[in-house]
Amino acid sequence: LSIPSSIFEQQIKFLKENYKIIESKDLLNIEKFNSKEKLVVITFDDGFKDNFEIAAPLLFKLNIPFSVFVITDFVSQSRKKYVDEAMLKEFAEHPLVTIGSHSCSHAKLTSCSLTDMKNEISDSKHYLEDLVGKEINTFSYPHGLFNQAVRQEVIKAGYKLGFTSHFDINLINKDKFTLNTTELWNTDNLTNFKKKINGDWDWLKYRNL
């Protein structure tokens, strides 16, 4: 889940040359794009500090939008390896960055009580909105885990997009609250990377079923 910056740069440049990289909010109006265009959304889960210090400078240089899903308790507690409030505020001011919630504590929402699950989803949203002064409408399920009850609470809380960790490409009619993502590993060479982006690693689709 952590890759060398040199490989990351190689992957990003490949995407820029071969795909149209869009903002996560563009998924709400996907019909506006040419159906033949190959679209990609770049997301980072957890809110590690290297998103700010290493990934962001390269993405800004190449004018590439991306989303960062943060664990709000880790932000408020200023945990060492994670972005802090000042970094998030700076991110929020940049037009290429979308900030989303990854819950308050990274709990497994499918195992929480109903009350705790609701709080994880809604309290993180309110914290981020108070901090950055903007609407937070994207949510990434912690550990990629969700069920219909969790999905419904995400909708009730006011989010407009929900990202899972289920591997697959997303077709135009994909449920916007169970979006698939492509997980990248430090063992991925450029050949494997291309296969993953094209949805060719079919066995990964069944990993969490």
N, C-alpha and C. Protein backbone atom coordinates (compact mmCIF):
# COMPACT_ATOMS: atom_id res chain seq x y z
N LEU A 1 0.82 -1.21 0.00
CA LEU A 1 0.00 0.00 0.00
C LEU A 1 0.85 1.26 0.00
N SER A 2 2.14 1.11 0.23
CA SER A 2 3.06 2.24 0.19
C SER A 2 4.06 1.97 -0.92
N ILE A 3 4.23 2.94 -1.81
CA ILE A 3 5.11 2.73 -2.96
C ILE A 3 6.18 3.80 -3.01
N PRO A 4 7.35 3.49 -3.57
CA PRO A 4 8.41 4.49 -3.70
C PRO A 4 7.95 5.67 -4.55
N SER A 5 8.41 6.86 -4.21
CA SER A 5 7.97 8.06 -4.92
C SER A 5 8.33 8.01 -6.41
N SER A 6 9.44 7.34 -6.74
CA SER A 6 9.84 7.26 -8.15
C SER A 6 8.84 6.44 -8.96
N ILE A 7 8.33 5.36 -8.36
CA ILE A 7 7.33 4.52 -9.04
C ILE A 7 6.00 5.27 -9.12
N PHE A 8 5.67 5.97 -8.04
CA PHE A 8 4.44 6.77 -8.03
C PHE A 8 4.46 7.79 -9.17
N GLU A 9 5.58 8.47 -9.33
CA GLU A 9 5.70 9.47 -10.40
C GLU A 9 5.55 8.82 -11.77
N GLN A 10 6.13 7.66 -11.95
CA GLN A 10 6.02 6.93 -13.21
C GLN A 10 4.56 6.57 -13.51
N GLN A 11 3.85 6.11 -12.48
CA GLN A 11 2.45 5.73 -12.65
C GLN A 11 1.58 6.94 -12.97
N ILE A 12 1.82 8.04 -12.27
CA ILE A 12 1.03 9.25 -12.48
C ILE A 12 1.23 9.79 -13.89
N LYS A 13 2.46 9.79 -14.34
CA LYS A 13 2.73 10.29 -15.69
C LYS A 13 2.09 9.40 -16.75
N PHE A 14 2.06 8.09 -16.49
CA PHE A 14 1.38 7.19 -17.41
C PHE A 14 -0.12 7.51 -17.47
N LEU A 15 -0.73 7.74 -16.31
CA LEU A 15 -2.15 8.08 -16.29
C LEU A 15 -2.42 9.38 -17.03
N LYS A 16 -1.58 10.36 -16.80
CA LYS A 16 -1.79 11.67 -17.44
C LYS A 16 -1.70 11.56 -18.96
N GLU A 17 -0.84 10.70 -19.44
CA GLU A 17 -0.64 10.55 -20.88
C GLU A 17 -1.71 9.68 -21.55
N ASN A 18 -2.38 8.84 -20.77
CA ASN A 18 -3.28 7.85 -21.38
C ASN A 18 -4.73 7.92 -20.91
N TYR A 19 -5.02 8.70 -19.89
CA TYR A 19 -6.37 8.78 -19.34
C TYR A 19 -6.77 10.23 -19.10
N LYS A 20 -8.04 10.43 -18.91
CA LYS A 20 -8.53 11.73 -18.46
C LYS A 20 -8.72 11.61 -16.94
N ILE A 21 -7.96 12.36 -16.19
CA ILE A 21 -8.04 12.30 -14.73
C ILE A 21 -9.03 13.37 -14.26
N ILE A 22 -10.07 12.93 -13.57
CA ILE A 22 -11.15 13.81 -13.17
C ILE A 22 -11.24 13.93 -11.66
N GLU A 23 -12.00 14.90 -11.17
CA GLU A 23 -12.26 15.04 -9.75
C GLU A 23 -13.33 14.05 -9.33
N SER A 24 -13.33 13.69 -8.06
CA SER A 24 -14.35 12.75 -7.58
C SER A 24 -15.75 13.29 -7.79
N LYS A 25 -15.93 14.61 -7.64
CA LYS A 25 -17.27 15.18 -7.81
C LYS A 25 -17.78 15.04 -9.24
N ASP A 26 -16.86 14.86 -10.20
CA ASP A 26 -17.28 14.67 -11.59
C ASP A 26 -18.06 13.38 -11.77
N LEU A 27 -17.91 12.45 -10.84
CA LEU A 27 -18.65 11.18 -10.92
C LEU A 27 -20.15 11.39 -10.75
N LEU A 28 -20.53 12.54 -10.20
CA LEU A 28 -21.95 12.84 -10.04
C LEU A 28 -22.59 13.26 -11.35
N ASN A 29 -21.76 13.67 -12.31
CA ASN A 29 -22.26 14.09 -13.62
C ASN A 29 -21.44 13.41 -14.72
N ILE A 30 -21.30 12.12 -14.58
CA ILE A 30 -20.43 11.37 -15.47
C ILE A 30 -20.91 11.40 -16.92
N GLU A 31 -22.19 11.68 -17.10
CA GLU A 31 -22.75 11.70 -18.46
C GLU A 31 -22.18 12.83 -19.32
N LYS A 32 -21.58 13.82 -18.67
CA LYS A 32 -21.06 14.96 -19.44
C LYS A 32 -19.80 14.61 -20.22
N PHE A 33 -19.19 13.47 -19.88
CA PHE A 33 -17.96 13.08 -20.57
C PHE A 33 -18.28 12.18 -21.76
N ASN A 34 -17.40 12.20 -22.72
CA ASN A 34 -17.51 11.32 -23.88
C ASN A 34 -17.45 9.88 -23.40
N SER A 35 -18.39 9.08 -23.82
CA SER A 35 -18.47 7.69 -23.35
C SER A 35 -17.25 6.86 -23.74
N LYS A 36 -16.47 7.34 -24.69
CA LYS A 36 -15.28 6.61 -25.13
C LYS A 36 -14.03 7.04 -24.36
N GLU A 37 -14.16 8.09 -23.54
CA GLU A 37 -13.01 8.54 -22.76
C GLU A 37 -12.73 7.56 -21.62
N LYS A 38 -11.47 7.34 -21.35
CA LYS A 38 -11.06 6.51 -20.22
C LYS A 38 -10.80 7.43 -19.03
N LEU A 39 -11.65 7.33 -18.02
CA LEU A 39 -11.62 8.25 -16.89
C LEU A 39 -11.00 7.60 -15.66
N VAL A 40 -10.26 8.39 -14.90
CA VAL A 40 -9.64 7.91 -13.67
C VAL A 40 -9.81 8.96 -12.58
N VAL A 41 -10.09 8.49 -11.36
CA VAL A 41 -10.09 9.34 -10.17
C VAL A 41 -8.99 8.84 -9.25
N ILE A 42 -8.15 9.74 -8.77
CA ILE A 42 -7.05 9.36 -7.87
C ILE A 42 -7.46 9.66 -6.43
N THR A 43 -7.38 8.64 -5.58
CA THR A 43 -7.78 8.81 -4.18
C THR A 43 -6.70 8.26 -3.25
N PHE A 44 -6.63 8.85 -2.06
CA PHE A 44 -5.74 8.38 -0.99
C PHE A 44 -6.58 8.17 0.27
N ASP A 45 -6.48 6.99 0.85
CA ASP A 45 -7.18 6.72 2.11
C ASP A 45 -6.27 6.99 3.31
N ASP A 46 -6.91 7.33 4.43
CA ASP A 46 -6.30 7.45 5.76
C ASP A 46 -5.75 8.84 6.06
N GLY A 47 -5.22 9.54 5.06
CA GLY A 47 -4.69 10.88 5.31
C GLY A 47 -3.28 10.88 5.86
N PHE A 48 -2.43 10.01 5.34
CA PHE A 48 -1.03 10.01 5.76
C PHE A 48 -0.34 11.30 5.35
N LYS A 49 0.65 11.70 6.15
CA LYS A 49 1.35 12.95 5.92
C LYS A 49 2.07 12.98 4.58
N ASP A 50 2.47 11.81 4.06
CA ASP A 50 3.16 11.79 2.78
C ASP A 50 2.24 12.20 1.62
N ASN A 51 0.93 12.16 1.83
CA ASN A 51 0.01 12.70 0.83
C ASN A 51 0.29 14.18 0.61
N PHE A 52 0.57 14.87 1.71
CA PHE A 52 0.82 16.31 1.68
C PHE A 52 2.25 16.63 1.26
N GLU A 53 3.20 15.85 1.78
CA GLU A 53 4.61 16.19 1.60
C GLU A 53 5.22 15.65 0.31
N ILE A 54 4.72 14.51 -0.18
CA ILE A 54 5.34 13.86 -1.33
C ILE A 54 4.41 13.82 -2.54
N ALA A 55 3.19 13.30 -2.36
CA ALA A 55 2.28 13.13 -3.49
C ALA A 55 1.76 14.47 -4.02
N ALA A 56 1.31 15.32 -3.13
CA ALA A 56 0.68 16.58 -3.55
C ALA A 56 1.58 17.45 -4.42
N PRO A 57 2.85 17.68 -4.05
CA PRO A 57 3.69 18.54 -4.90
C PRO A 57 3.79 18.05 -6.35
N LEU A 58 3.91 16.73 -6.53
CA LEU A 58 3.98 16.20 -7.89
C LEU A 58 2.65 16.39 -8.61
N LEU A 59 1.55 16.09 -7.94
CA LEU A 59 0.24 16.22 -8.57
C LEU A 59 -0.09 17.67 -8.89
N PHE A 60 0.30 18.58 -8.02
CA PHE A 60 0.10 20.00 -8.30
C PHE A 60 0.91 20.43 -9.51
N LYS A 61 2.15 19.96 -9.58
CA LYS A 61 3.04 20.31 -10.69
C LYS A 61 2.45 19.87 -12.03
N LEU A 62 1.80 18.72 -12.02
CA LEU A 62 1.22 18.17 -13.25
C LEU A 62 -0.24 18.57 -13.44
N ASN A 63 -0.77 19.39 -12.53
CA ASN A 63 -2.14 19.89 -12.59
C ASN A 63 -3.16 18.74 -12.57
N ILE A 64 -2.96 17.82 -11.63
CA ILE A 64 -3.81 16.63 -11.53
C ILE A 64 -4.64 16.69 -10.25
N PRO A 65 -5.96 16.55 -10.36
CA PRO A 65 -6.82 16.56 -9.18
C PRO A 65 -6.76 15.23 -8.43
N PHE A 66 -7.03 15.28 -7.12
CA PHE A 66 -7.04 14.06 -6.32
C PHE A 66 -7.88 14.25 -5.06
N SER A 67 -8.24 13.15 -4.43
CA SER A 67 -9.04 13.18 -3.21
C SER A 67 -8.27 12.55 -2.07
N VAL A 68 -8.43 13.12 -0.87
CA VAL A 68 -7.80 12.59 0.34
C VAL A 68 -8.90 12.31 1.35
N PHE A 69 -9.02 11.05 1.75
CA PHE A 69 -10.02 10.65 2.74
C PHE A 69 -9.32 10.50 4.09
N VAL A 70 -9.72 11.32 5.06
CA VAL A 70 -8.99 11.37 6.32
C VAL A 70 -9.79 10.77 7.48
N ILE A 71 -9.03 10.24 8.44
CA ILE A 71 -9.59 9.72 9.70
C ILE A 71 -9.54 10.89 10.68
N THR A 72 -10.69 11.42 11.02
CA THR A 72 -10.71 12.72 11.70
C THR A 72 -10.12 12.69 13.11
N ASP A 73 -10.26 11.59 13.84
CA ASP A 73 -9.65 11.51 15.18
C ASP A 73 -8.13 11.62 15.07
N PHE A 74 -7.57 11.04 14.03
CA PHE A 74 -6.12 11.09 13.85
C PHE A 74 -5.67 12.52 13.55
N VAL A 75 -6.52 13.26 12.86
CA VAL A 75 -6.20 14.66 12.55
C VAL A 75 -6.28 15.51 13.81
N SER A 76 -7.38 15.40 14.54
CA SER A 76 -7.58 16.22 15.73
C SER A 76 -6.57 15.91 16.82
N GLN A 77 -6.08 14.67 16.84
CA GLN A 77 -5.08 14.26 17.84
C GLN A 77 -3.65 14.53 17.37
N SER A 78 -3.51 15.07 16.16
CA SER A 78 -2.19 15.37 15.58
C SER A 78 -1.26 14.16 15.62
N ARG A 79 -1.77 13.03 15.18
CA ARG A 79 -0.94 11.82 15.15
C ARG A 79 0.22 12.02 14.18
N LYS A 80 1.34 11.49 14.57
CA LYS A 80 2.62 11.80 13.92
C LYS A 80 2.64 11.55 12.41
N LYS A 81 2.11 10.45 11.94
CA LYS A 81 2.24 10.07 10.54
C LYS A 81 1.10 10.59 9.66
N TYR A 82 0.20 11.38 10.25
CA TYR A 82 -0.99 11.81 9.52
C TYR A 82 -1.03 13.33 9.34
N VAL A 83 -1.79 13.77 8.35
CA VAL A 83 -1.94 15.22 8.15
C VAL A 83 -2.57 15.84 9.39
N ASP A 84 -2.23 17.08 9.64
CA ASP A 84 -2.81 17.79 10.78
C ASP A 84 -3.82 18.82 10.27
N GLU A 85 -4.39 19.56 11.18
CA GLU A 85 -5.43 20.52 10.81
C GLU A 85 -4.90 21.60 9.87
N ALA A 86 -3.69 22.07 10.10
CA ALA A 86 -3.12 23.11 9.24
C ALA A 86 -2.95 22.60 7.81
N MET A 87 -2.49 21.37 7.67
CA MET A 87 -2.32 20.78 6.34
C MET A 87 -3.66 20.62 5.63
N LEU A 88 -4.66 20.18 6.38
CA LEU A 88 -5.99 20.01 5.77
C LEU A 88 -6.56 21.34 5.32
N LYS A 89 -6.37 22.37 6.10
CA LYS A 89 -6.85 23.70 5.70
C LYS A 89 -6.16 24.16 4.42
N GLU A 90 -4.87 23.86 4.31
CA GLU A 90 -4.13 24.23 3.11
C GLU A 90 -4.63 23.42 1.92
N PHE A 91 -4.87 22.15 2.14
CA PHE A 91 -5.44 21.31 1.08
C PHE A 91 -6.79 21.88 0.62
N ALA A 92 -7.62 22.26 1.58
CA ALA A 92 -8.97 22.73 1.27
C ALA A 92 -8.97 23.98 0.41
N GLU A 93 -7.90 24.75 0.48
CA GLU A 93 -7.82 25.99 -0.30
C GLU A 93 -7.33 25.73 -1.72
N HIS A 94 -6.85 24.52 -1.99
CA HIS A 94 -6.31 24.24 -3.32
C HIS A 94 -7.39 23.67 -4.23
N PRO A 95 -7.56 24.21 -5.43
CA PRO A 95 -8.65 23.78 -6.32
C PRO A 95 -8.53 22.35 -6.82
N LEU A 96 -7.35 21.74 -6.71
CA LEU A 96 -7.18 20.37 -7.20
C LEU A 96 -7.49 19.30 -6.15
N VAL A 97 -7.73 19.72 -4.91
CA VAL A 97 -7.88 18.77 -3.81
C VAL A 97 -9.33 18.66 -3.35
N THR A 98 -9.79 17.44 -3.21
CA THR A 98 -11.09 17.16 -2.59
C THR A 98 -10.83 16.43 -1.28
N ILE A 99 -11.38 16.93 -0.20
CA ILE A 99 -11.23 16.28 1.10
C ILE A 99 -12.50 15.48 1.39
N GLY A 100 -12.31 14.24 1.80
CA GLY A 100 -13.43 13.38 2.13
C GLY A 100 -13.23 12.74 3.49
N SER A 101 -14.27 12.13 4.01
CA SER A 101 -14.20 11.46 5.31
C SER A 101 -13.88 9.98 5.16
N HIS A 102 -13.08 9.50 6.12
CA HIS A 102 -12.78 8.07 6.23
C HIS A 102 -13.17 7.60 7.63
N SER A 103 -14.20 8.27 8.18
CA SER A 103 -14.77 8.02 9.51
C SER A 103 -13.97 8.74 10.59
N CYS A 104 -14.43 8.63 11.83
CA CYS A 104 -13.73 9.27 12.95
C CYS A 104 -12.52 8.47 13.40
N SER A 105 -12.70 7.14 13.57
CA SER A 105 -11.64 6.34 14.19
C SER A 105 -11.16 5.16 13.36
N HIS A 106 -11.66 5.06 12.12
CA HIS A 106 -11.32 3.93 11.24
C HIS A 106 -11.90 2.61 11.76
N ALA A 107 -13.05 2.71 12.38
CA ALA A 107 -13.72 1.52 12.91
C ALA A 107 -14.31 0.69 11.78
N LYS A 108 -14.49 -0.60 12.05
CA LYS A 108 -15.19 -1.46 11.10
C LYS A 108 -16.68 -1.21 11.27
N LEU A 109 -17.24 -0.41 10.39
CA LEU A 109 -18.61 0.08 10.56
C LEU A 109 -19.65 -1.04 10.59
N THR A 110 -19.38 -2.12 9.90
CA THR A 110 -20.33 -3.24 9.87
C THR A 110 -20.38 -3.97 11.21
N SER A 111 -19.40 -3.71 12.08
CA SER A 111 -19.37 -4.37 13.40
C SER A 111 -19.78 -3.42 14.52
N CYS A 112 -20.02 -2.15 14.20
CA CYS A 112 -20.39 -1.15 15.21
C CYS A 112 -21.86 -1.26 15.58
N SER A 113 -22.19 -0.73 16.76
CA SER A 113 -23.60 -0.54 17.09
C SER A 113 -24.16 0.51 16.15
N LEU A 114 -25.48 0.58 16.03
CA LEU A 114 -26.09 1.55 15.14
C LEU A 114 -25.70 2.97 15.52
N THR A 115 -25.70 3.26 16.82
CA THR A 115 -25.35 4.60 17.29
C THR A 115 -23.91 4.95 16.96
N ASP A 116 -23.00 4.03 17.26
CA ASP A 116 -21.59 4.28 16.98
C ASP A 116 -21.34 4.44 15.48
N MET A 117 -22.01 3.61 14.70
CA MET A 117 -21.84 3.68 13.25
C MET A 117 -22.31 5.04 12.72
N LYS A 118 -23.45 5.49 13.19
CA LYS A 118 -23.96 6.80 12.77
C LYS A 118 -22.98 7.92 13.15
N ASN A 119 -22.45 7.84 14.37
CA ASN A 119 -21.52 8.88 14.84
C ASN A 119 -20.23 8.89 14.03
N GLU A 120 -19.71 7.71 13.71
CA GLU A 120 -18.49 7.62 12.90
C GLU A 120 -18.68 8.32 11.56
N ILE A 121 -19.86 8.15 11.00
CA ILE A 121 -20.15 8.70 9.68
C ILE A 121 -20.47 10.19 9.73
N SER A 122 -21.34 10.59 10.63
CA SER A 122 -21.79 11.98 10.65
C SER A 122 -20.85 12.92 11.40
N ASP A 123 -20.27 12.46 12.51
CA ASP A 123 -19.39 13.34 13.28
C ASP A 123 -18.13 13.71 12.50
N SER A 124 -17.63 12.77 11.74
CA SER A 124 -16.43 13.06 10.93
C SER A 124 -16.75 14.11 9.88
N LYS A 125 -17.94 14.03 9.31
CA LYS A 125 -18.36 15.01 8.31
C LYS A 125 -18.45 16.40 8.93
N HIS A 126 -19.08 16.50 10.09
CA HIS A 126 -19.25 17.78 10.75
C HIS A 126 -17.91 18.38 11.17
N TYR A 127 -17.02 17.54 11.66
CA TYR A 127 -15.69 18.02 12.08
C TYR A 127 -14.95 18.64 10.89
N LEU A 128 -14.95 17.93 9.78
CA LEU A 128 -14.23 18.42 8.60
C LEU A 128 -14.86 19.70 8.05
N GLU A 129 -16.18 19.75 8.03
CA GLU A 129 -16.86 20.95 7.52
C GLU A 129 -16.58 22.16 8.40
N ASP A 130 -16.55 21.95 9.72
CA ASP A 130 -16.23 23.04 10.63
C ASP A 130 -14.78 23.49 10.46
N LEU A 131 -13.90 22.53 10.18
CA LEU A 131 -12.48 22.84 10.07
C LEU A 131 -12.16 23.60 8.78
N VAL A 132 -12.66 23.12 7.66
CA VAL A 132 -12.26 23.70 6.37
C VAL A 132 -13.27 24.67 5.78
N GLY A 133 -14.48 24.73 6.36
CA GLY A 133 -15.48 25.67 5.89
C GLY A 133 -16.07 25.32 4.54
N LYS A 134 -16.04 24.04 4.20
CA LYS A 134 -16.60 23.59 2.93
C LYS A 134 -17.45 22.34 3.16
N GLU A 135 -18.38 22.09 2.22
CA GLU A 135 -19.18 20.89 2.31
C GLU A 135 -18.30 19.66 2.05
N ILE A 136 -18.47 18.64 2.87
CA ILE A 136 -17.77 17.37 2.68
C ILE A 136 -18.81 16.35 2.22
N ASN A 137 -18.69 15.91 0.98
CA ASN A 137 -19.75 15.04 0.45
C ASN A 137 -19.24 13.71 -0.11
N THR A 138 -17.98 13.36 0.21
CA THR A 138 -17.45 12.06 -0.22
C THR A 138 -17.00 11.27 0.99
N PHE A 139 -17.25 9.96 0.95
CA PHE A 139 -16.94 9.08 2.08
C PHE A 139 -16.26 7.81 1.57
N SER A 140 -15.19 7.41 2.24
CA SER A 140 -14.53 6.15 1.93
C SER A 140 -14.72 5.22 3.12
N TYR A 141 -15.31 4.05 2.88
CA TYR A 141 -15.62 3.11 3.97
C TYR A 141 -14.33 2.57 4.59
N PRO A 142 -14.16 2.70 5.91
CA PRO A 142 -12.97 2.16 6.57
C PRO A 142 -12.84 0.66 6.32
N HIS A 143 -11.65 0.22 5.99
CA HIS A 143 -11.38 -1.19 5.67
C HIS A 143 -12.17 -1.64 4.45
N GLY A 144 -12.84 -0.71 3.78
CA GLY A 144 -13.66 -1.05 2.63
C GLY A 144 -14.95 -1.75 2.98
N LEU A 145 -15.27 -1.84 4.27
CA LEU A 145 -16.41 -2.63 4.73
C LEU A 145 -17.69 -1.80 4.77
N PHE A 146 -18.76 -2.35 4.22
CA PHE A 146 -20.07 -1.70 4.26
C PHE A 146 -21.14 -2.76 4.08
N ASN A 147 -22.35 -2.41 4.47
CA ASN A 147 -23.54 -3.19 4.15
C ASN A 147 -24.65 -2.19 3.86
N GLN A 148 -25.84 -2.66 3.67
CA GLN A 148 -26.92 -1.74 3.30
C GLN A 148 -27.22 -0.73 4.40
N ALA A 149 -27.09 -1.15 5.66
CA ALA A 149 -27.34 -0.22 6.77
C ALA A 149 -26.30 0.90 6.78
N VAL A 150 -25.05 0.54 6.57
CA VAL A 150 -23.97 1.54 6.52
C VAL A 150 -24.17 2.46 5.32
N ARG A 151 -24.47 1.88 4.18
CA ARG A 151 -24.70 2.67 2.97
C ARG A 151 -25.82 3.68 3.20
N GLN A 152 -26.91 3.26 3.83
CA GLN A 152 -28.04 4.15 4.08
C GLN A 152 -27.67 5.29 5.01
N GLU A 153 -26.85 5.01 6.02
CA GLU A 153 -26.44 6.08 6.94
C GLU A 153 -25.53 7.09 6.25
N VAL A 154 -24.71 6.62 5.33
CA VAL A 154 -23.86 7.53 4.55
C VAL A 154 -24.74 8.48 3.74
N ILE A 155 -25.79 7.95 3.16
CA ILE A 155 -26.74 8.78 2.40
C ILE A 155 -27.46 9.76 3.32
N LYS A 156 -27.94 9.26 4.46
CA LYS A 156 -28.68 10.11 5.41
C LYS A 156 -27.81 11.24 5.94
N ALA A 157 -26.52 10.99 6.09
CA ALA A 157 -25.61 12.00 6.62
C ALA A 157 -25.36 13.13 5.64
N GLY A 158 -25.71 12.91 4.37
CA GLY A 158 -25.56 13.98 3.38
C GLY A 158 -24.42 13.81 2.41
N TYR A 159 -23.76 12.65 2.45
CA TYR A 159 -22.72 12.40 1.47
C TYR A 159 -23.35 12.10 0.11
N LYS A 160 -22.58 12.30 -0.94
CA LYS A 160 -23.09 12.07 -2.29
C LYS A 160 -22.35 10.95 -3.03
N LEU A 161 -21.19 10.55 -2.47
CA LEU A 161 -20.39 9.47 -3.07
C LEU A 161 -19.83 8.60 -1.96
N GLY A 162 -19.80 7.29 -2.20
CA GLY A 162 -19.21 6.36 -1.25
C GLY A 162 -18.24 5.42 -1.96
N PHE A 163 -17.01 5.34 -1.43
CA PHE A 163 -15.96 4.53 -2.07
C PHE A 163 -15.67 3.29 -1.23
N THR A 164 -15.67 2.12 -1.87
CA THR A 164 -15.33 0.86 -1.22
C THR A 164 -13.88 0.52 -1.55
N SER A 165 -13.42 -0.66 -1.10
CA SER A 165 -12.10 -1.13 -1.51
C SER A 165 -12.24 -2.36 -2.41
N HIS A 166 -13.45 -2.53 -2.97
CA HIS A 166 -13.66 -3.64 -3.90
C HIS A 166 -12.99 -3.33 -5.23
N PHE A 167 -12.16 -4.26 -5.69
CA PHE A 167 -11.41 -4.04 -6.91
C PHE A 167 -12.29 -4.26 -8.14
N ASP A 168 -12.35 -3.25 -8.99
CA ASP A 168 -13.01 -3.37 -10.28
C ASP A 168 -13.06 -1.98 -10.90
N ILE A 169 -13.31 -1.91 -12.19
CA ILE A 169 -13.60 -0.64 -12.83
C ILE A 169 -15.05 -0.29 -12.53
N ASN A 170 -15.43 0.95 -12.75
CA ASN A 170 -16.80 1.40 -12.54
C ASN A 170 -17.45 1.73 -13.87
N LEU A 171 -18.55 1.08 -14.15
CA LEU A 171 -19.31 1.40 -15.35
C LEU A 171 -20.19 2.61 -15.08
N ILE A 172 -20.74 3.18 -16.12
CA ILE A 172 -21.46 4.46 -16.00
C ILE A 172 -22.67 4.36 -15.08
N ASN A 173 -23.27 3.18 -14.96
CA ASN A 173 -24.47 3.03 -14.13
C ASN A 173 -24.15 2.50 -12.74
N LYS A 174 -22.90 2.53 -12.33
CA LYS A 174 -22.49 2.02 -11.02
C LYS A 174 -23.12 2.83 -9.90
N ASP A 175 -23.58 2.14 -8.85
CA ASP A 175 -24.13 2.80 -7.66
C ASP A 175 -23.08 3.76 -7.10
N LYS A 176 -23.44 5.02 -6.95
CA LYS A 176 -22.50 6.05 -6.52
C LYS A 176 -22.10 5.92 -5.05
N PHE A 177 -22.74 5.02 -4.31
CA PHE A 177 -22.40 4.82 -2.91
C PHE A 177 -21.66 3.51 -2.65
N THR A 178 -21.37 2.79 -3.73
CA THR A 178 -20.55 1.57 -3.61
C THR A 178 -19.52 1.54 -4.74
N LEU A 179 -18.84 2.63 -4.93
CA LEU A 179 -17.87 2.74 -6.02
C LEU A 179 -16.66 1.84 -5.77
N ASN A 180 -16.22 1.18 -6.82
CA ASN A 180 -15.04 0.32 -6.74
C ASN A 180 -13.76 1.16 -6.79
N THR A 181 -12.69 0.63 -6.22
CA THR A 181 -11.39 1.29 -6.32
C THR A 181 -10.33 0.26 -6.67
N THR A 182 -9.25 0.74 -7.25
CA THR A 182 -8.14 -0.12 -7.64
C THR A 182 -6.98 0.10 -6.69
N GLU A 183 -6.69 -0.89 -5.88
CA GLU A 183 -5.65 -0.78 -4.87
C GLU A 183 -4.27 -1.03 -5.51
N LEU A 184 -3.33 -0.17 -5.19
CA LEU A 184 -1.99 -0.31 -5.76
C LEU A 184 -1.00 -0.78 -4.69
N TRP A 185 -0.07 -1.63 -5.10
CA TRP A 185 0.89 -2.23 -4.18
C TRP A 185 2.31 -1.85 -4.54
N ASN A 186 3.25 -2.00 -3.60
CA ASN A 186 4.64 -1.67 -3.89
C ASN A 186 5.30 -2.73 -4.78
N THR A 187 4.61 -3.82 -5.02
CA THR A 187 5.12 -4.86 -5.93
C THR A 187 4.63 -4.66 -7.37
N ASP A 188 3.82 -3.65 -7.60
CA ASP A 188 3.28 -3.41 -8.95
C ASP A 188 4.33 -2.75 -9.85
N ASN A 189 4.74 -3.47 -10.90
CA ASN A 189 5.53 -2.81 -11.93
C ASN A 189 4.57 -2.13 -12.89
N LEU A 190 5.09 -1.44 -13.89
CA LEU A 190 4.22 -0.69 -14.78
C LEU A 190 3.29 -1.61 -15.57
N THR A 191 3.73 -2.81 -15.88
CA THR A 191 2.88 -3.77 -16.59
C THR A 191 1.68 -4.16 -15.75
N ASN A 192 1.92 -4.50 -14.48
CA ASN A 192 0.82 -4.84 -13.58
C ASN A 192 -0.10 -3.64 -13.35
N PHE A 193 0.52 -2.48 -13.23
CA PHE A 193 -0.25 -1.25 -13.02
C PHE A 193 -1.24 -1.04 -14.17
N LYS A 194 -0.77 -1.20 -15.40
CA LYS A 194 -1.64 -1.03 -16.57
C LYS A 194 -2.79 -2.04 -16.54
N LYS A 195 -2.49 -3.28 -16.16
CA LYS A 195 -3.52 -4.31 -16.10
C LYS A 195 -4.57 -3.97 -15.04
N LYS A 196 -4.11 -3.51 -13.89
CA LYS A 196 -5.04 -3.15 -12.83
C LYS A 196 -5.97 -2.01 -13.26
N ILE A 197 -5.39 -0.98 -13.85
CA ILE A 197 -6.18 0.18 -14.27
C ILE A 197 -7.23 -0.21 -15.31
N ASN A 198 -6.90 -1.19 -16.13
CA ASN A 198 -7.85 -1.65 -17.15
C ASN A 198 -8.84 -2.68 -16.62
N GLY A 199 -8.71 -3.04 -15.32
CA GLY A 199 -9.63 -4.00 -14.73
C GLY A 199 -9.34 -5.44 -15.10
N ASP A 200 -8.09 -5.73 -15.44
CA ASP A 200 -7.76 -7.06 -15.95
C ASP A 200 -7.35 -8.05 -14.87
N TRP A 201 -7.16 -7.60 -13.64
CA TRP A 201 -6.82 -8.53 -12.57
C TRP A 201 -8.10 -9.06 -11.95
N ASP A 202 -8.83 -9.87 -12.69
CA ASP A 202 -10.17 -10.28 -12.29
C ASP A 202 -10.23 -10.98 -10.94
N TRP A 203 -9.19 -11.73 -10.58
CA TRP A 203 -9.24 -12.48 -9.32
C TRP A 203 -9.40 -11.59 -8.10
N LEU A 204 -8.93 -10.35 -8.18
CA LEU A 204 -9.05 -9.44 -7.05
C LEU A 204 -10.50 -9.05 -6.77
N LYS A 205 -11.35 -9.18 -7.78
CA LYS A 205 -12.75 -8.81 -7.60
C LYS A 205 -13.44 -9.68 -6.56
N TYR A 206 -12.93 -10.89 -6.37
CA TYR A 206 -13.58 -11.85 -5.48
C TYR A 206 -12.92 -11.95 -4.12
N ARG A 207 -11.95 -11.07 -3.88
CA ARG A 207 -11.17 -11.15 -2.66
C ARG A 207 -12.02 -10.94 -1.41
N ASN A 208 -12.95 -9.99 -1.44
CA ASN A 208 -13.73 -9.65 -0.26
C ASN A 208 -15.14 -10.20 -0.26
N LEU A 209 -15.43 -11.08 -1.21
CA LEU A 209 -16.78 -11.63 -1.29
C LEU A 209 -16.97 -12.79 -0.34
